[in-house]
Amino acid sequence: MLLCLHPDRQAALEVTARHCRKEAEQYGQCVAANPSSWQQDCHQLKLEMAKCTSSHPIVQKIRHDCAEPFAAFEQCLKLNQTSVVNCTEHVQKFLLCADQVKLAT
């Protein structure tokens, strides 16, 4: 499935890729390698990636403005660790919220 990204979301992903590439790659590899236990096995890597990205203003604003849909998405992932496809609706709500976030210019 090909996703078309909103420019602000694309910018947030680029910030992660540019400034936190090592952390993002390690976390992604861990999740892929541990499909049924990634929540526990990759927790430390998730924290490291979050710590790295949290310093960027657009990421901070998305986390603040979209805290509720993101929390619902995370809760869904915890409840559906072996079938994350069940959380598609949750991630779409979060991404719709993130699309609305803009930095004051």
N, C-alpha and C. Protein backbone atom coordinates (compact mmCIF):
# COMPACT_ATOMS: atom_id res chain seq x y z
N MET A 1 0.84 -1.18 0.00
CA MET A 1 0.00 0.00 0.00
C MET A 1 0.89 1.24 0.00
N LEU A 2 0.62 2.15 -0.89
CA LEU A 2 1.37 3.39 -1.01
C LEU A 2 0.60 4.50 -0.30
N LEU A 3 1.29 5.22 0.56
CA LEU A 3 0.65 6.31 1.30
C LEU A 3 1.13 7.64 0.75
N CYS A 4 0.20 8.54 0.53
CA CYS A 4 0.54 9.92 0.18
C CYS A 4 0.59 10.71 1.47
N LEU A 5 1.70 11.35 1.73
CA LEU A 5 1.88 12.02 3.01
C LEU A 5 1.63 13.52 2.87
N HIS A 6 0.94 14.05 3.85
CA HIS A 6 0.74 15.49 3.98
C HIS A 6 2.11 16.12 4.22
N PRO A 7 2.36 17.32 3.72
CA PRO A 7 3.68 17.94 3.87
C PRO A 7 4.15 18.04 5.31
N ASP A 8 3.27 18.35 6.27
CA ASP A 8 3.70 18.46 7.66
C ASP A 8 4.11 17.11 8.23
N ARG A 9 3.34 16.05 7.88
CA ARG A 9 3.69 14.72 8.35
C ARG A 9 4.99 14.29 7.68
N GLN A 10 5.12 14.61 6.40
CA GLN A 10 6.35 14.29 5.69
C GLN A 10 7.53 14.99 6.38
N ALA A 11 7.32 16.23 6.79
CA ALA A 11 8.38 16.97 7.48
C ALA A 11 8.75 16.28 8.79
N ALA A 12 7.75 15.81 9.54
CA ALA A 12 8.03 15.14 10.80
C ALA A 12 8.81 13.85 10.56
N LEU A 13 8.43 13.11 9.50
CA LEU A 13 9.16 11.89 9.17
C LEU A 13 10.58 12.21 8.73
N GLU A 14 10.74 13.31 8.01
CA GLU A 14 12.08 13.70 7.57
C GLU A 14 12.95 14.10 8.76
N VAL A 15 12.35 14.77 9.75
CA VAL A 15 13.09 15.11 10.97
C VAL A 15 13.58 13.84 11.64
N THR A 16 12.69 12.85 11.76
CA THR A 16 13.08 11.58 12.36
C THR A 16 14.18 10.92 11.55
N ALA A 17 14.02 10.89 10.24
CA ALA A 17 15.02 10.24 9.38
C ALA A 17 16.36 10.98 9.45
N ARG A 18 16.30 12.29 9.47
CA ARG A 18 17.54 13.08 9.44
C ARG A 18 18.26 13.04 10.78
N HIS A 19 17.51 13.22 11.86
CA HIS A 19 18.14 13.39 13.17
C HIS A 19 18.15 12.12 14.01
N CYS A 20 17.30 11.16 13.67
CA CYS A 20 17.15 9.98 14.52
C CYS A 20 17.17 8.70 13.69
N ARG A 21 17.90 8.70 12.60
CA ARG A 21 17.90 7.55 11.68
C ARG A 21 18.31 6.26 12.38
N LYS A 22 19.38 6.32 13.16
CA LYS A 22 19.88 5.11 13.82
C LYS A 22 18.80 4.53 14.75
N GLU A 23 18.18 5.40 15.55
CA GLU A 23 17.16 4.96 16.49
C GLU A 23 15.93 4.40 15.77
N ALA A 24 15.51 5.08 14.70
CA ALA A 24 14.33 4.65 13.96
C ALA A 24 14.59 3.30 13.29
N GLU A 25 15.77 3.13 12.71
CA GLU A 25 16.09 1.87 12.04
C GLU A 25 16.17 0.73 13.04
N GLN A 26 16.80 0.95 14.19
CA GLN A 26 16.91 -0.10 15.19
C GLN A 26 15.53 -0.51 15.71
N TYR A 27 14.68 0.47 15.96
CA TYR A 27 13.33 0.17 16.45
C TYR A 27 12.54 -0.60 15.38
N GLY A 28 12.59 -0.13 14.14
CA GLY A 28 11.87 -0.80 13.06
C GLY A 28 12.34 -2.23 12.86
N GLN A 29 13.65 -2.47 12.93
CA GLN A 29 14.19 -3.81 12.78
C GLN A 29 13.75 -4.70 13.94
N CYS A 30 13.72 -4.15 15.14
CA CYS A 30 13.29 -4.91 16.31
C CYS A 30 11.83 -5.31 16.19
N VAL A 31 10.96 -4.37 15.79
CA VAL A 31 9.53 -4.66 15.63
C VAL A 31 9.34 -5.75 14.58
N ALA A 32 10.04 -5.63 13.45
CA ALA A 32 9.90 -6.61 12.38
C ALA A 32 10.38 -8.00 12.81
N ALA A 33 11.43 -8.03 13.63
CA ALA A 33 12.01 -9.30 14.06
C ALA A 33 11.23 -9.96 15.20
N ASN A 34 10.34 -9.22 15.85
CA ASN A 34 9.62 -9.73 17.01
C ASN A 34 8.12 -9.47 16.88
N PRO A 35 7.45 -10.08 15.88
CA PRO A 35 6.06 -9.73 15.60
C PRO A 35 5.08 -10.00 16.76
N SER A 36 5.38 -10.96 17.60
CA SER A 36 4.44 -11.25 18.68
C SER A 36 4.87 -10.70 20.03
N SER A 37 6.09 -10.19 20.12
CA SER A 37 6.57 -9.70 21.43
C SER A 37 7.27 -8.35 21.32
N TRP A 38 7.05 -7.63 20.21
CA TRP A 38 7.77 -6.37 19.99
C TRP A 38 7.48 -5.34 21.07
N GLN A 39 6.26 -5.37 21.63
CA GLN A 39 5.89 -4.38 22.64
C GLN A 39 6.86 -4.42 23.83
N GLN A 40 7.22 -5.63 24.25
CA GLN A 40 8.17 -5.78 25.35
C GLN A 40 9.62 -5.72 24.86
N ASP A 41 9.91 -6.47 23.79
CA ASP A 41 11.29 -6.60 23.34
C ASP A 41 11.88 -5.30 22.81
N CYS A 42 11.05 -4.42 22.29
CA CYS A 42 11.55 -3.21 21.64
C CYS A 42 11.27 -1.94 22.44
N HIS A 43 10.81 -2.11 23.67
CA HIS A 43 10.40 -0.94 24.46
C HIS A 43 11.54 0.06 24.65
N GLN A 44 12.73 -0.42 24.97
CA GLN A 44 13.85 0.49 25.21
C GLN A 44 14.22 1.25 23.93
N LEU A 45 14.18 0.55 22.79
CA LEU A 45 14.47 1.22 21.52
C LEU A 45 13.40 2.26 21.19
N LYS A 46 12.15 1.95 21.52
CA LYS A 46 11.06 2.91 21.31
C LYS A 46 11.32 4.17 22.14
N LEU A 47 11.74 3.99 23.38
CA LEU A 47 12.03 5.14 24.25
C LEU A 47 13.19 5.97 23.69
N GLU A 48 14.20 5.31 23.18
CA GLU A 48 15.35 6.03 22.62
C GLU A 48 14.95 6.83 21.39
N MET A 49 14.10 6.24 20.53
CA MET A 49 13.65 6.97 19.35
C MET A 49 12.77 8.14 19.77
N ALA A 50 11.87 7.92 20.73
CA ALA A 50 10.99 8.99 21.20
C ALA A 50 11.80 10.13 21.82
N LYS A 51 12.81 9.79 22.57
CA LYS A 51 13.66 10.81 23.20
C LYS A 51 14.36 11.64 22.12
N CYS A 52 14.82 10.96 21.09
CA CYS A 52 15.52 11.66 20.00
C CYS A 52 14.58 12.61 19.27
N THR A 53 13.40 12.13 18.90
CA THR A 53 12.49 12.95 18.10
C THR A 53 11.77 14.02 18.91
N SER A 54 11.64 13.82 20.20
CA SER A 54 10.81 14.72 21.00
C SER A 54 11.34 16.14 21.09
N SER A 55 12.60 16.34 20.73
CA SER A 55 13.16 17.69 20.82
C SER A 55 12.78 18.58 19.65
N HIS A 56 12.20 18.02 18.57
CA HIS A 56 11.86 18.84 17.41
C HIS A 56 10.49 19.48 17.58
N PRO A 57 10.33 20.79 17.26
CA PRO A 57 9.07 21.50 17.49
C PRO A 57 7.83 20.87 16.84
N ILE A 58 7.93 20.40 15.59
CA ILE A 58 6.73 19.84 14.95
C ILE A 58 6.30 18.55 15.65
N VAL A 59 7.27 17.76 16.09
CA VAL A 59 6.96 16.52 16.80
C VAL A 59 6.32 16.84 18.15
N GLN A 60 6.86 17.83 18.84
CA GLN A 60 6.28 18.24 20.13
C GLN A 60 4.84 18.70 19.95
N LYS A 61 4.58 19.47 18.90
CA LYS A 61 3.23 19.98 18.66
C LYS A 61 2.26 18.85 18.31
N ILE A 62 2.69 17.91 17.48
CA ILE A 62 1.83 16.76 17.16
C ILE A 62 1.54 15.95 18.42
N ARG A 63 2.55 15.71 19.23
CA ARG A 63 2.35 14.95 20.46
C ARG A 63 1.36 15.64 21.39
N HIS A 64 1.43 16.96 21.44
CA HIS A 64 0.52 17.72 22.30
C HIS A 64 -0.89 17.74 21.72
N ASP A 65 -0.99 18.13 20.45
CA ASP A 65 -2.30 18.32 19.84
C ASP A 65 -3.03 17.02 19.56
N CYS A 66 -2.30 15.92 19.41
CA CYS A 66 -2.90 14.63 19.03
C CYS A 66 -2.69 13.57 20.11
N ALA A 67 -2.54 14.00 21.33
CA ALA A 67 -2.26 13.06 22.42
C ALA A 67 -3.37 12.02 22.57
N GLU A 68 -4.63 12.45 22.45
CA GLU A 68 -5.74 11.52 22.66
C GLU A 68 -5.81 10.43 21.58
N PRO A 69 -5.80 10.78 20.27
CA PRO A 69 -5.82 9.71 19.27
C PRO A 69 -4.57 8.84 19.29
N PHE A 70 -3.42 9.41 19.67
CA PHE A 70 -2.21 8.61 19.75
C PHE A 70 -2.30 7.62 20.90
N ALA A 71 -2.83 8.07 22.04
CA ALA A 71 -3.00 7.16 23.19
C ALA A 71 -3.95 6.02 22.83
N ALA A 72 -5.02 6.34 22.10
CA ALA A 72 -5.97 5.30 21.68
C ALA A 72 -5.28 4.30 20.74
N PHE A 73 -4.43 4.79 19.85
CA PHE A 73 -3.69 3.93 18.94
C PHE A 73 -2.74 3.02 19.72
N GLU A 74 -1.99 3.60 20.67
CA GLU A 74 -1.07 2.79 21.48
C GLU A 74 -1.82 1.74 22.27
N GLN A 75 -2.98 2.11 22.82
CA GLN A 75 -3.78 1.14 23.58
C GLN A 75 -4.24 0.01 22.67
N CYS A 76 -4.65 0.35 21.46
CA CYS A 76 -5.06 -0.67 20.49
C CYS A 76 -3.90 -1.62 20.19
N LEU A 77 -2.71 -1.08 20.01
CA LEU A 77 -1.55 -1.92 19.75
C LEU A 77 -1.29 -2.88 20.90
N LYS A 78 -1.43 -2.40 22.13
CA LYS A 78 -1.22 -3.26 23.30
C LYS A 78 -2.23 -4.40 23.33
N LEU A 79 -3.48 -4.10 22.95
CA LEU A 79 -4.53 -5.10 22.99
C LEU A 79 -4.48 -6.06 21.80
N ASN A 80 -3.79 -5.67 20.73
CA ASN A 80 -3.77 -6.45 19.48
C ASN A 80 -2.34 -6.71 19.02
N GLN A 81 -1.48 -7.12 19.94
CA GLN A 81 -0.06 -7.26 19.61
C GLN A 81 0.19 -8.24 18.48
N THR A 82 -0.64 -9.25 18.33
CA THR A 82 -0.39 -10.24 17.28
C THR A 82 -1.18 -9.95 16.01
N SER A 83 -2.06 -8.95 16.07
CA SER A 83 -2.83 -8.59 14.86
C SER A 83 -3.02 -7.08 14.80
N VAL A 84 -1.91 -6.38 14.58
CA VAL A 84 -1.92 -4.92 14.58
C VAL A 84 -2.79 -4.33 13.49
N VAL A 85 -3.17 -5.15 12.48
CA VAL A 85 -4.06 -4.66 11.43
C VAL A 85 -5.39 -4.21 12.01
N ASN A 86 -5.74 -4.72 13.19
CA ASN A 86 -6.97 -4.30 13.87
C ASN A 86 -6.93 -2.83 14.28
N CYS A 87 -5.78 -2.22 14.23
CA CYS A 87 -5.63 -0.83 14.69
C CYS A 87 -5.58 0.17 13.54
N THR A 88 -5.94 -0.26 12.35
CA THR A 88 -5.89 0.63 11.19
C THR A 88 -6.71 1.89 11.40
N GLU A 89 -7.92 1.73 11.93
CA GLU A 89 -8.79 2.88 12.16
C GLU A 89 -8.15 3.86 13.16
N HIS A 90 -7.50 3.33 14.19
CA HIS A 90 -6.86 4.18 15.20
C HIS A 90 -5.71 4.97 14.60
N VAL A 91 -4.90 4.31 13.79
CA VAL A 91 -3.77 5.02 13.19
C VAL A 91 -4.27 6.07 12.20
N GLN A 92 -5.34 5.77 11.49
CA GLN A 92 -5.89 6.76 10.55
C GLN A 92 -6.38 8.00 11.30
N LYS A 93 -7.02 7.81 12.44
CA LYS A 93 -7.48 8.97 13.24
C LYS A 93 -6.29 9.80 13.72
N PHE A 94 -5.24 9.10 14.15
CA PHE A 94 -4.05 9.84 14.59
C PHE A 94 -3.43 10.61 13.43
N LEU A 95 -3.31 9.96 12.27
CA LEU A 95 -2.70 10.62 11.12
C LEU A 95 -3.55 11.79 10.63
N LEU A 96 -4.87 11.65 10.69
CA LEU A 96 -5.74 12.79 10.35
C LEU A 96 -5.49 13.96 11.28
N CYS A 97 -5.33 13.66 12.56
CA CYS A 97 -5.02 14.72 13.52
C CYS A 97 -3.67 15.34 13.20
N ALA A 98 -2.67 14.51 12.95
CA ALA A 98 -1.33 15.03 12.66
C ALA A 98 -1.33 15.90 11.41
N ASP A 99 -2.18 15.55 10.46
CA ASP A 99 -2.29 16.37 9.24
C ASP A 99 -2.73 17.80 9.53
N GLN A 100 -3.47 17.98 10.61
CA GLN A 100 -3.99 19.30 10.95
C GLN A 100 -2.99 20.18 11.71
N VAL A 101 -1.93 19.56 12.20
CA VAL A 101 -0.96 20.28 13.04
C VAL A 101 -0.04 21.11 12.16
N LYS A 102 0.10 22.36 12.54
CA LYS A 102 1.00 23.26 11.83
C LYS A 102 1.82 24.04 12.86
N LEU A 103 3.04 24.33 12.48
CA LEU A 103 3.86 25.20 13.32
C LEU A 103 3.50 26.64 13.01
N ALA A 104 3.45 27.47 14.03
CA ALA A 104 3.20 28.89 13.82
C ALA A 104 4.41 29.47 13.07
N THR A 105 4.11 30.19 12.01
CA THR A 105 5.22 30.77 11.23
C THR A 105 5.15 32.28 11.26
